[in-house]
Amino acid sequence: MRPPIVLFTYNRPKHTRLTIESLLQNRLAKESDLFVFADGAKNEAHLPQVRAVHEYLQTVTGFRQVHLTLRQENKGLANSIITGVGEVLRQYSTAIVLEDDMLCASNFLDFMHEALALYEQTPSIFSITGYTFPIAFPADYRQDVYLSPRPSSWGWATWRDRWEKADWAVADFDAFIKDKKQRQAFNQGGNDLSVMLLRQQRGEIDSWAIRWAYTHYRQGGYCVYPTRSKIQNIGTDLSGTHSPATRKYDVTLDNAPYSLPALPTLDARIMQNFQYFFKRSVVRKAINLWKYGIMY
């Protein structure tokens, strides 16, 4: 049985339609079950758009089966993803997850299926993503994928046994945040991570993704990235709840053939460029030190 596709939507009917239409360009879509978790409106102003999304979803065909959860209450993105992915992974051993603003290449599902099968028995690989940040790669780097300790939340997949290792309460947070060496180790995936986790635990943000990143760190896990992106985020246009307007993450979708190595490379040169992408300015570091008491 093919890994199911799990899609999370809220109040963007146009983005949702484009996301589903791009999925249907994948040859494996018709062999895949689609589970959609559509959140309810958080206020009256959002209700018409939420209803439009729910109405559209009831017309979707082209997948092996479509399973709709149309919520009347608003759970919020983090709770929706934690509970929704968990629900699907109780039925399946793997899942491919998208939100309602992800366009995918026509070979996205092929890539995800092959990577899930190939790396299932590699316990250090905790997730797969179809997106890659627009970073530079060494001219002599020949693999079509690379490893990073930081996972991506844009068009990703995992296995049940990895997902079950997540501690969504982050019970060891107090010990972690006081330990500079641990914070620096976590920040090998980008020096914004520790502050983001601190803000999550303080209730300033509501992010499942930073807790999933912390799971990778705690478990010594890695994410497999393609060197050419098979996901394009169309939500950085102020239409979403959590994404600012920016061109920083813009990439071109890639449909070219690829090959997957038996074990992807953790390349120090790529990681240096990866970390630079998330580098914070001196001003931002000073603000974090003043506001949160930590530099990183």
Protein backbone atom coordinates (compact mmCIF):
# COMPACT_ATOMS: atom_id res chain seq x y z
CA MET A 1 0.00 0.00 0.00
CA ARG A 2 1.25 3.48 -0.91
CA PRO A 3 2.09 5.93 1.89
CA PRO A 4 -0.95 8.15 2.48
CA ILE A 5 -0.89 11.88 1.79
CA VAL A 6 -1.98 14.05 4.72
CA LEU A 7 -3.09 17.60 3.89
CA PHE A 8 -3.88 20.36 6.39
CA THR A 9 -6.06 23.29 5.30
CA TYR A 10 -7.64 26.34 6.84
CA ASN A 11 -9.06 29.41 5.08
CA ARG A 12 -7.30 29.69 1.72
CA PRO A 13 -9.46 28.11 -1.01
CA LYS A 14 -7.25 29.28 -3.88
CA HIS A 15 -4.05 27.96 -2.29
CA THR A 16 -5.76 24.70 -1.35
CA ARG A 17 -6.97 24.15 -4.91
CA LEU A 18 -3.52 24.82 -6.37
CA THR A 19 -1.90 22.45 -3.87
CA ILE A 20 -4.30 19.63 -4.73
CA GLU A 21 -4.05 20.25 -8.47
CA SER A 22 -0.26 20.01 -8.27
CA LEU A 23 -0.53 16.75 -6.34
CA LEU A 24 -2.79 15.35 -9.05
CA GLN A 25 -0.03 15.92 -11.61
CA ASN A 26 1.89 13.13 -9.84
CA ARG A 27 1.34 9.71 -11.39
CA LEU A 28 1.13 8.10 -7.94
CA ALA A 29 -1.72 10.34 -6.77
CA LYS A 30 -4.36 7.96 -8.12
CA GLU A 31 -2.79 5.13 -6.09
CA SER A 32 -2.64 7.15 -2.85
CA ASP A 33 -5.17 7.79 -0.11
CA LEU A 34 -5.60 11.49 0.68
CA PHE A 35 -6.46 12.46 4.27
CA VAL A 36 -7.51 16.09 4.64
CA PHE A 37 -7.84 17.82 8.00
CA ALA A 38 -9.66 21.11 7.46
CA ASP A 39 -9.63 23.34 10.53
CA GLY A 40 -12.64 25.32 11.69
CA ALA A 41 -12.79 29.11 11.78
CA LYS A 42 -11.13 30.86 14.71
CA ASN A 43 -13.45 33.87 14.30
CA GLU A 44 -16.46 35.07 12.32
CA ALA A 45 -14.28 36.97 9.84
CA HIS A 46 -12.63 33.73 8.68
CA LEU A 47 -15.87 31.75 8.42
CA PRO A 48 -16.75 32.45 4.73
CA GLN A 49 -13.29 31.40 3.50
CA VAL A 50 -13.26 28.33 5.75
CA ARG A 51 -16.66 27.32 4.35
CA ALA A 52 -15.35 27.81 0.81
CA VAL A 53 -12.43 25.47 1.55
CA HIS A 54 -14.76 22.84 3.05
CA GLU A 55 -17.10 23.04 0.06
CA TYR A 56 -14.25 22.67 -2.41
CA LEU A 57 -12.76 19.71 -0.56
CA GLN A 58 -16.01 17.79 -0.95
CA THR A 59 -15.55 17.92 -4.74
CA VAL A 60 -11.98 16.55 -4.79
CA THR A 61 -11.39 13.33 -6.75
CA GLY A 62 -8.43 11.68 -8.50
CA PHE A 63 -6.90 9.94 -5.49
CA ARG A 64 -7.44 6.31 -4.51
CA GLN A 65 -9.70 7.48 -1.70
CA VAL A 66 -10.33 10.87 -0.11
CA HIS A 67 -10.92 11.02 3.66
CA LEU A 68 -12.20 14.38 4.92
CA THR A 69 -12.18 15.70 8.46
CA LEU A 70 -14.05 19.02 8.30
CA ARG A 71 -13.77 20.56 11.73
CA GLN A 72 -16.26 23.04 13.12
CA GLU A 73 -13.95 24.03 15.96
CA ASN A 74 -10.56 25.66 15.50
CA LYS A 75 -7.68 23.50 16.74
CA GLY A 76 -4.87 25.68 15.40
CA LEU A 77 -2.10 24.52 13.09
CA ALA A 78 0.17 22.89 15.69
CA ASN A 79 -2.56 20.84 17.35
CA SER A 80 -4.08 19.95 13.98
CA ILE A 81 -0.80 18.56 12.68
CA ILE A 82 0.22 16.75 15.87
CA THR A 83 -3.16 15.05 16.23
CA GLY A 84 -3.82 14.54 12.51
CA VAL A 85 -0.45 13.03 11.64
CA GLY A 86 -0.63 10.91 14.78
CA GLU A 87 -4.07 9.64 13.79
CA VAL A 88 -2.93 8.64 10.31
CA LEU A 89 0.27 7.03 11.58
CA ARG A 90 -1.73 4.82 13.90
CA GLN A 91 -3.16 3.28 10.72
CA TYR A 92 -0.09 3.43 8.45
CA SER A 93 3.64 3.04 9.03
CA THR A 94 4.50 6.14 6.96
CA ALA A 95 2.87 9.41 5.91
CA ILE A 96 3.57 12.25 3.48
CA VAL A 97 2.46 15.60 4.89
CA LEU A 98 1.63 18.93 3.26
CA GLU A 99 -0.07 22.16 4.19
CA ASP A 100 -2.42 24.11 1.94
CA ASP A 101 0.23 26.34 0.35
CA MET A 102 2.64 23.79 -1.11
CA LEU A 103 3.00 23.28 -4.84
CA CYS A 104 4.81 20.06 -5.70
CA ALA A 105 6.76 18.86 -8.72
CA SER A 106 5.29 16.09 -10.83
CA ASN A 107 7.78 13.58 -9.37
CA PHE A 108 7.38 14.69 -5.75
CA LEU A 109 5.48 11.56 -4.73
CA ASP A 110 7.96 9.31 -6.54
CA PHE A 111 10.79 10.96 -4.63
CA MET A 112 9.05 10.66 -1.27
CA HIS A 113 7.98 7.03 -1.80
CA GLU A 114 11.44 5.94 -2.89
CA ALA A 115 13.18 7.77 -0.04
CA LEU A 116 10.77 6.39 2.57
CA ALA A 117 11.39 2.85 1.35
CA LEU A 118 15.15 3.23 0.97
CA TYR A 119 15.85 4.88 4.35
CA GLU A 120 13.29 3.05 6.48
CA GLN A 121 16.03 0.86 7.97
CA THR A 122 18.39 3.79 8.60
CA PRO A 123 17.35 4.85 12.11
CA SER A 124 19.36 8.07 12.05
CA ILE A 125 17.16 9.40 9.23
CA PHE A 126 14.07 10.79 10.92
CA SER A 127 12.33 12.53 8.03
CA ILE A 128 12.34 13.28 4.30
CA THR A 129 11.49 16.60 2.70
CA GLY A 130 10.75 17.62 -0.87
CA TYR A 131 11.77 21.23 -0.23
CA THR A 132 15.26 22.63 -0.10
CA PHE A 133 16.30 26.11 0.93
CA PRO A 134 17.95 28.21 -1.80
CA ILE A 135 21.52 27.60 -0.68
CA ALA A 136 24.71 27.08 -2.67
CA PHE A 137 26.16 23.61 -3.27
CA PRO A 138 29.83 22.78 -3.92
CA ALA A 139 30.62 22.34 -7.61
CA ASP A 140 31.97 18.84 -6.97
CA TYR A 141 28.97 17.64 -4.95
CA ARG A 142 27.41 14.83 -7.02
CA GLN A 143 24.58 13.48 -4.88
CA ASP A 144 20.99 14.56 -5.52
CA VAL A 145 20.24 14.68 -1.78
CA TYR A 146 21.99 15.77 1.40
CA LEU A 147 21.50 15.52 5.14
CA SER A 148 20.74 18.20 7.70
CA PRO A 149 19.95 17.93 11.42
CA ARG A 150 17.16 20.47 10.86
CA PRO A 151 13.96 19.06 9.33
CA SER A 152 11.72 20.95 6.94
CA SER A 153 7.98 21.33 7.54
CA TRP A 154 7.24 22.03 3.88
CA GLY A 155 6.26 18.86 2.02
CA TRP A 156 7.76 16.21 4.28
CA ALA A 157 7.37 12.60 5.36
CA THR A 158 8.26 10.33 8.24
CA TRP A 159 7.74 6.90 9.74
CA ARG A 160 5.51 5.94 12.67
CA ASP A 161 8.42 4.78 14.84
CA ARG A 162 10.22 8.13 14.44
CA TRP A 163 7.08 10.23 15.01
CA GLU A 164 6.34 8.34 18.22
CA LYS A 165 9.67 9.51 19.68
CA ALA A 166 8.52 13.14 19.79
CA ASP A 167 7.89 14.66 23.21
CA TRP A 168 5.48 17.47 22.36
CA ALA A 169 5.62 18.78 25.95
CA VAL A 170 9.47 19.01 25.76
CA ALA A 171 9.79 17.74 29.32
CA ASP A 172 13.55 18.35 29.47
CA PHE A 173 13.34 21.95 28.27
CA ASP A 174 14.43 23.61 31.52
CA ALA A 175 17.69 21.64 31.63
CA PHE A 176 18.27 22.20 27.92
CA ILE A 177 17.82 25.96 27.85
CA LYS A 178 20.27 26.47 30.75
CA ASP A 179 22.99 24.47 28.99
CA LYS A 180 24.94 26.55 26.46
CA LYS A 181 26.62 23.50 24.91
CA GLN A 182 23.26 21.87 24.26
CA ARG A 183 21.88 25.06 22.73
CA GLN A 184 24.90 25.36 20.45
CA ALA A 185 24.54 21.73 19.40
CA PHE A 186 20.85 22.23 18.59
CA ASN A 187 21.73 25.36 16.64
CA GLN A 188 23.89 23.39 14.22
CA GLY A 189 20.69 23.39 12.17
CA GLY A 190 20.46 27.20 12.33
CA ASN A 191 21.08 29.68 15.13
CA ASP A 192 17.40 30.60 15.33
CA LEU A 193 16.37 27.22 16.72
CA SER A 194 16.98 27.59 20.46
CA VAL A 195 15.23 30.95 20.68
CA MET A 196 12.33 29.56 18.67
CA LEU A 197 11.99 26.65 21.09
CA LEU A 198 12.14 29.06 24.02
CA ARG A 199 9.35 31.14 22.51
CA GLN A 200 7.30 28.00 21.95
CA GLN A 201 7.67 26.92 25.56
CA ARG A 202 6.75 30.41 26.76
CA GLY A 203 3.58 30.33 24.67
CA GLU A 204 4.67 33.19 22.40
CA ILE A 205 4.32 31.03 19.28
CA ASP A 206 2.39 27.84 18.52
CA SER A 207 4.75 25.63 16.54
CA TRP A 208 4.78 21.88 16.12
CA ALA A 209 7.76 22.21 13.73
CA ILE A 210 10.26 23.53 16.28
CA ARG A 211 9.36 20.64 18.58
CA TRP A 212 9.82 18.21 15.69
CA ALA A 213 13.24 19.81 15.06
CA TYR A 214 14.09 19.34 18.73
CA THR A 215 13.11 15.67 18.41
CA HIS A 216 15.64 15.28 15.59
CA TYR A 217 18.30 16.86 17.81
CA ARG A 218 17.47 14.80 20.88
CA GLN A 219 17.39 11.54 18.93
CA GLY A 220 20.49 12.27 16.81
CA GLY A 221 18.27 12.29 13.73
CA TYR A 222 18.63 13.85 10.29
CA CYS A 223 16.37 15.01 7.49
CA VAL A 224 17.02 14.08 3.85
CA TYR A 225 16.78 17.08 1.51
CA PRO A 226 16.88 17.13 -2.29
CA THR A 227 19.51 19.41 -3.80
CA ARG A 228 16.83 20.69 -6.23
CA SER A 229 13.49 21.51 -4.71
CA LYS A 230 10.36 19.50 -5.42
CA ILE A 231 8.22 21.79 -3.26
CA GLN A 232 7.43 25.47 -3.69
CA ASN A 233 5.81 27.45 -0.88
CA ILE A 234 3.17 29.83 -2.24
CA GLY A 235 2.04 30.97 1.20
CA THR A 236 4.64 33.64 1.88
CA ASP A 237 2.24 36.27 0.53
CA LEU A 238 0.62 37.36 3.81
CA SER A 239 -2.28 34.96 3.17
CA GLY A 240 -1.28 32.60 5.98
CA THR A 241 -1.42 32.82 9.75
CA HIS A 242 2.24 31.93 10.37
CA SER A 243 4.15 33.07 7.24
CA PRO A 244 5.36 36.63 6.61
CA ALA A 245 5.60 38.14 3.14
CA THR A 246 9.09 37.36 1.84
CA ARG A 247 11.00 36.15 -1.21
CA LYS A 248 13.74 34.57 0.88
CA TYR A 249 12.45 31.03 0.42
CA ASP A 250 11.66 31.22 -3.30
CA VAL A 251 12.80 28.23 -5.36
CA THR A 252 12.09 26.76 -8.77
CA LEU A 253 10.29 23.43 -8.90
CA ASP A 254 12.45 20.64 -10.31
CA ASN A 255 11.04 17.69 -12.25
CA ALA A 256 14.39 16.28 -13.42
CA PRO A 257 15.45 12.66 -12.88
CA TYR A 258 17.33 11.96 -9.66
CA SER A 259 19.08 9.10 -7.92
CA LEU A 260 19.09 8.29 -4.23
CA PRO A 261 22.30 7.09 -2.56
CA ALA A 262 22.19 4.24 -0.08
CA LEU A 263 23.34 6.71 2.57
CA PRO A 264 23.13 10.48 1.98
CA THR A 265 26.06 12.69 2.89
CA LEU A 266 26.41 15.08 5.80
CA ASP A 267 28.65 17.52 3.96
CA ALA A 268 30.36 20.17 6.10
CA ARG A 269 30.46 22.65 3.22
CA ILE A 270 26.73 22.35 2.60
CA MET A 271 26.02 22.65 6.32
CA GLN A 272 28.06 25.85 6.46
CA ASN A 273 25.90 27.35 3.70
CA PHE A 274 22.78 25.95 5.34
CA GLN A 275 23.66 27.59 8.66
CA TYR A 276 24.49 30.87 6.93
CA PHE A 277 20.98 30.92 5.44
CA PHE A 278 19.59 31.10 8.99
CA LYS A 279 22.25 33.43 10.35
CA ARG A 280 20.86 36.19 12.54
CA SER A 281 22.16 39.75 12.45
CA VAL A 282 24.16 41.25 15.29
CA VAL A 283 21.13 43.38 16.14
CA ARG A 284 18.84 40.36 16.30
CA LYS A 285 21.33 38.50 18.48
CA ALA A 286 21.51 41.49 20.82
CA ILE A 287 17.71 41.65 21.01
CA ASN A 288 17.56 37.94 21.82
CA LEU A 289 20.16 38.38 24.54
CA TRP A 290 18.24 41.30 26.05
CA LYS A 291 14.78 39.74 25.69
CA TYR A 292 15.48 36.07 26.37
CA GLY A 293 18.79 36.06 28.17
CA ILE A 294 20.50 33.88 25.56
CA MET A 295 22.63 34.81 22.56
CA TYR A 296 21.67 31.73 20.54
